[in-house]
Amino acid sequence: MTPRELVAELAALSKAEKAEVVEKLAQELGDTWPGIEKTPGVLGGSACVVRTRVAVWMLENYRRLGWTEAKILANYSTLRAVDLVHAWAYVDANRSEIDEEIRQNEAA
């Protein structure tokens, strides 16, 4: 089946059926997040903003300390607003992972 044929098939599905397809695709993609990557050997394998060595847990920690998005972007010139959108989505979906990385860093 070609991508064009697949799009036509998807258009014919109900919203519930489309949600099932999205869930299945998400399971197959596993730990894939837009704008976020984990690279063994880079920051201990922590989730980072793509093209950077800026860990998501660091950004979340700054946010918890009261930093605004504007302040974060001003201090990390390589980041874009969309990078923060991706980071916050990752935090929301992986809260326990991020909490643990923040705890580990505070203990170090």
C-alpha atoms as a PDB file:
ATOM      1  CA  MET A   1       0.000   0.000   0.000  1.00  0.00           C
ATOM      2  CA  THR A   2       1.335   3.436  -0.881  1.00  0.00           C
ATOM      3  CA  PRO A   3       1.266   6.376   1.545  1.00  0.00           C
ATOM      4  CA  ARG A   4      -1.413   8.028  -0.616  1.00  0.00           C
ATOM      5  CA  GLU A   5      -3.586   4.897  -0.412  1.00  0.00           C
ATOM      6  CA  LEU A   6      -3.032   4.743   3.335  1.00  0.00           C
ATOM      7  CA  VAL A   7      -4.150   8.353   3.757  1.00  0.00           C
ATOM      8  CA  ALA A   8      -7.342   7.545   1.863  1.00  0.00           C
ATOM      9  CA  GLU A   9      -7.968   4.547   4.102  1.00  0.00           C
ATOM     10  CA  LEU A  10      -7.350   6.597   7.241  1.00  0.00           C
ATOM     11  CA  ALA A  11      -9.786   9.288   6.086  1.00  0.00           C
ATOM     12  CA  ALA A  12     -12.560   6.694   6.030  1.00  0.00           C
ATOM     13  CA  LEU A  13     -12.028   5.705   9.691  1.00  0.00           C
ATOM     14  CA  SER A  14     -14.070   6.978  12.611  1.00  0.00           C
ATOM     15  CA  LYS A  15     -12.380   9.140  15.237  1.00  0.00           C
ATOM     16  CA  ALA A  16     -12.212   6.158  17.598  1.00  0.00           C
ATOM     17  CA  GLU A  17     -10.608   4.000  14.911  1.00  0.00           C
ATOM     18  CA  LYS A  18      -8.122   6.766  14.115  1.00  0.00           C
ATOM     19  CA  ALA A  19      -7.242   6.976  17.827  1.00  0.00           C
ATOM     20  CA  GLU A  20      -6.534   3.233  17.820  1.00  0.00           C
ATOM     21  CA  VAL A  21      -4.229   3.653  14.822  1.00  0.00           C
ATOM     22  CA  VAL A  22      -2.379   6.519  16.511  1.00  0.00           C
ATOM     23  CA  GLU A  23      -1.981   4.469  19.701  1.00  0.00           C
ATOM     24  CA  LYS A  24      -0.613   1.508  17.730  1.00  0.00           C
ATOM     25  CA  LEU A  25       1.847   3.717  15.858  1.00  0.00           C
ATOM     26  CA  ALA A  26       2.999   5.302  19.116  1.00  0.00           C
ATOM     27  CA  GLN A  27       3.635   1.844  20.600  1.00  0.00           C
ATOM     28  CA  GLU A  28       5.632   0.791  17.557  1.00  0.00           C
ATOM     29  CA  LEU A  29       7.698   3.958  17.568  1.00  0.00           C
ATOM     30  CA  GLY A  30       8.483   3.393  21.221  1.00  0.00           C
ATOM     31  CA  ASP A  31      10.576   6.083  22.868  1.00  0.00           C
ATOM     32  CA  THR A  32      10.461   8.458  19.913  1.00  0.00           C
ATOM     33  CA  TRP A  33       9.614  12.076  20.618  1.00  0.00           C
ATOM     34  CA  PRO A  34       9.620  14.963  18.162  1.00  0.00           C
ATOM     35  CA  GLY A  35      12.465  17.292  18.987  1.00  0.00           C
ATOM     36  CA  ILE A  36      13.830  15.094  21.781  1.00  0.00           C
ATOM     37  CA  GLU A  37      16.502  12.410  21.597  1.00  0.00           C
ATOM     38  CA  LYS A  38      18.401  10.095  23.899  1.00  0.00           C
ATOM     39  CA  THR A  39      21.966   9.318  22.903  1.00  0.00           C
ATOM     40  CA  PRO A  40      24.032   6.801  24.880  1.00  0.00           C
ATOM     41  CA  GLY A  41      27.101   8.516  26.292  1.00  0.00           C
ATOM     42  CA  VAL A  42      25.637  12.024  26.000  1.00  0.00           C
ATOM     43  CA  LEU A  43      24.601  13.428  29.378  1.00  0.00           C
ATOM     44  CA  GLY A  44      24.206   9.919  30.721  1.00  0.00           C
ATOM     45  CA  GLY A  45      21.619   9.047  28.102  1.00  0.00           C
ATOM     46  CA  SER A  46      19.183  11.672  29.390  1.00  0.00           C
ATOM     47  CA  ALA A  47      16.529  13.023  27.058  1.00  0.00           C
ATOM     48  CA  CYS A  48      17.945  16.122  25.327  1.00  0.00           C
ATOM     49  CA  VAL A  49      16.705  18.696  22.879  1.00  0.00           C
ATOM     50  CA  VAL A  50      17.843  17.595  19.412  1.00  0.00           C
ATOM     51  CA  ARG A  51      20.989  19.270  18.064  1.00  0.00           C
ATOM     52  CA  THR A  52      22.018  20.224  21.614  1.00  0.00           C
ATOM     53  CA  ARG A  53      23.366  18.869  24.857  1.00  0.00           C
ATOM     54  CA  VAL A  54      20.558  20.508  26.799  1.00  0.00           C
ATOM     55  CA  ALA A  55      18.804  17.925  28.944  1.00  0.00           C
ATOM     56  CA  VAL A  56      15.042  18.076  29.328  1.00  0.00           C
ATOM     57  CA  TRP A  57      15.350  17.579  33.086  1.00  0.00           C
ATOM     58  CA  MET A  58      17.525  20.715  33.305  1.00  0.00           C
ATOM     59  CA  LEU A  59      14.915  22.782  31.501  1.00  0.00           C
ATOM     60  CA  GLU A  60      12.164  21.427  33.740  1.00  0.00           C
ATOM     61  CA  ASN A  61      14.253  22.167  36.807  1.00  0.00           C
ATOM     62  CA  TYR A  62      14.665  25.783  35.682  1.00  0.00           C
ATOM     63  CA  ARG A  63      10.916  25.994  35.115  1.00  0.00           C
ATOM     64  CA  ARG A  64      10.289  24.692  38.647  1.00  0.00           C
ATOM     65  CA  LEU A  65      12.695  27.329  39.959  1.00  0.00           C
ATOM     66  CA  GLY A  66      10.493  29.994  38.391  1.00  0.00           C
ATOM     67  CA  TRP A  67      12.363  30.711  35.171  1.00  0.00           C
ATOM     68  CA  THR A  68      10.113  31.923  32.378  1.00  0.00           C
ATOM     69  CA  GLU A  69      10.409  30.535  28.892  1.00  0.00           C
ATOM     70  CA  ALA A  70      11.849  33.881  27.830  1.00  0.00           C
ATOM     71  CA  LYS A  71      14.593  33.591  30.455  1.00  0.00           C
ATOM     72  CA  ILE A  72      15.402  30.024  29.421  1.00  0.00           C
ATOM     73  CA  LEU A  73      15.620  31.033  25.754  1.00  0.00           C
ATOM     74  CA  ALA A  74      17.777  34.055  26.626  1.00  0.00           C
ATOM     75  CA  ASN A  75      20.220  31.825  28.522  1.00  0.00           C
ATOM     76  CA  TYR A  76      20.301  29.049  25.909  1.00  0.00           C
ATOM     77  CA  SER A  77      20.795  30.770  22.568  1.00  0.00           C
ATOM     78  CA  THR A  78      20.701  27.471  20.670  1.00  0.00           C
ATOM     79  CA  LEU A  79      17.130  26.773  21.795  1.00  0.00           C
ATOM     80  CA  ARG A  80      13.977  27.818  19.981  1.00  0.00           C
ATOM     81  CA  ALA A  81      10.483  28.210  21.374  1.00  0.00           C
ATOM     82  CA  VAL A  82       9.423  24.983  19.636  1.00  0.00           C
ATOM     83  CA  ASP A  83      12.186  23.155  21.535  1.00  0.00           C
ATOM     84  CA  LEU A  84      10.513  24.120  24.798  1.00  0.00           C
ATOM     85  CA  VAL A  85       7.147  22.930  23.503  1.00  0.00           C
ATOM     86  CA  HIS A  86       8.721  19.539  22.774  1.00  0.00           C
ATOM     87  CA  ALA A  87      10.485  19.482  26.146  1.00  0.00           C
ATOM     88  CA  TRP A  88       7.306  20.253  28.105  1.00  0.00           C
ATOM     89  CA  ALA A  89       5.394  17.553  26.217  1.00  0.00           C
ATOM     90  CA  TYR A  90       8.160  15.083  27.072  1.00  0.00           C
ATOM     91  CA  VAL A  91       8.051  16.129  30.734  1.00  0.00           C
ATOM     92  CA  ASP A  92       4.270  15.698  30.855  1.00  0.00           C
ATOM     93  CA  ALA A  93       4.506  12.183  29.435  1.00  0.00           C
ATOM     94  CA  ASN A  94       7.584  11.106  31.433  1.00  0.00           C
ATOM     95  CA  ARG A  95       7.157  12.878  34.770  1.00  0.00           C
ATOM     96  CA  SER A  96       8.660  10.133  36.969  1.00  0.00           C
ATOM     97  CA  GLU A  97      11.774   9.890  34.756  1.00  0.00           C
ATOM     98  CA  ILE A  98      12.308  13.657  34.893  1.00  0.00           C
ATOM     99  CA  ASP A  99      11.639  13.819  38.646  1.00  0.00           C
ATOM    100  CA  GLU A 100      14.232  11.100  39.227  1.00  0.00           C
ATOM    101  CA  GLU A 101      16.864  12.811  37.069  1.00  0.00           C
ATOM    102  CA  ILE A 102      16.315  16.062  38.946  1.00  0.00           C
ATOM    103  CA  ARG A 103      16.623  14.210  42.281  1.00  0.00           C
ATOM    104  CA  GLN A 104      19.841  12.506  41.135  1.00  0.00           C
ATOM    105  CA  ASN A 105      21.336  15.820  40.083  1.00  0.00           C
ATOM    106  CA  GLU A 106      20.436  17.480  43.386  1.00  0.00           C
ATOM    107  CA  ALA A 107      22.038  14.594  45.293  1.00  0.00           C
ATOM    108  CA  ALA A 108      25.294  14.860  43.304  1.00  0.00           C
END
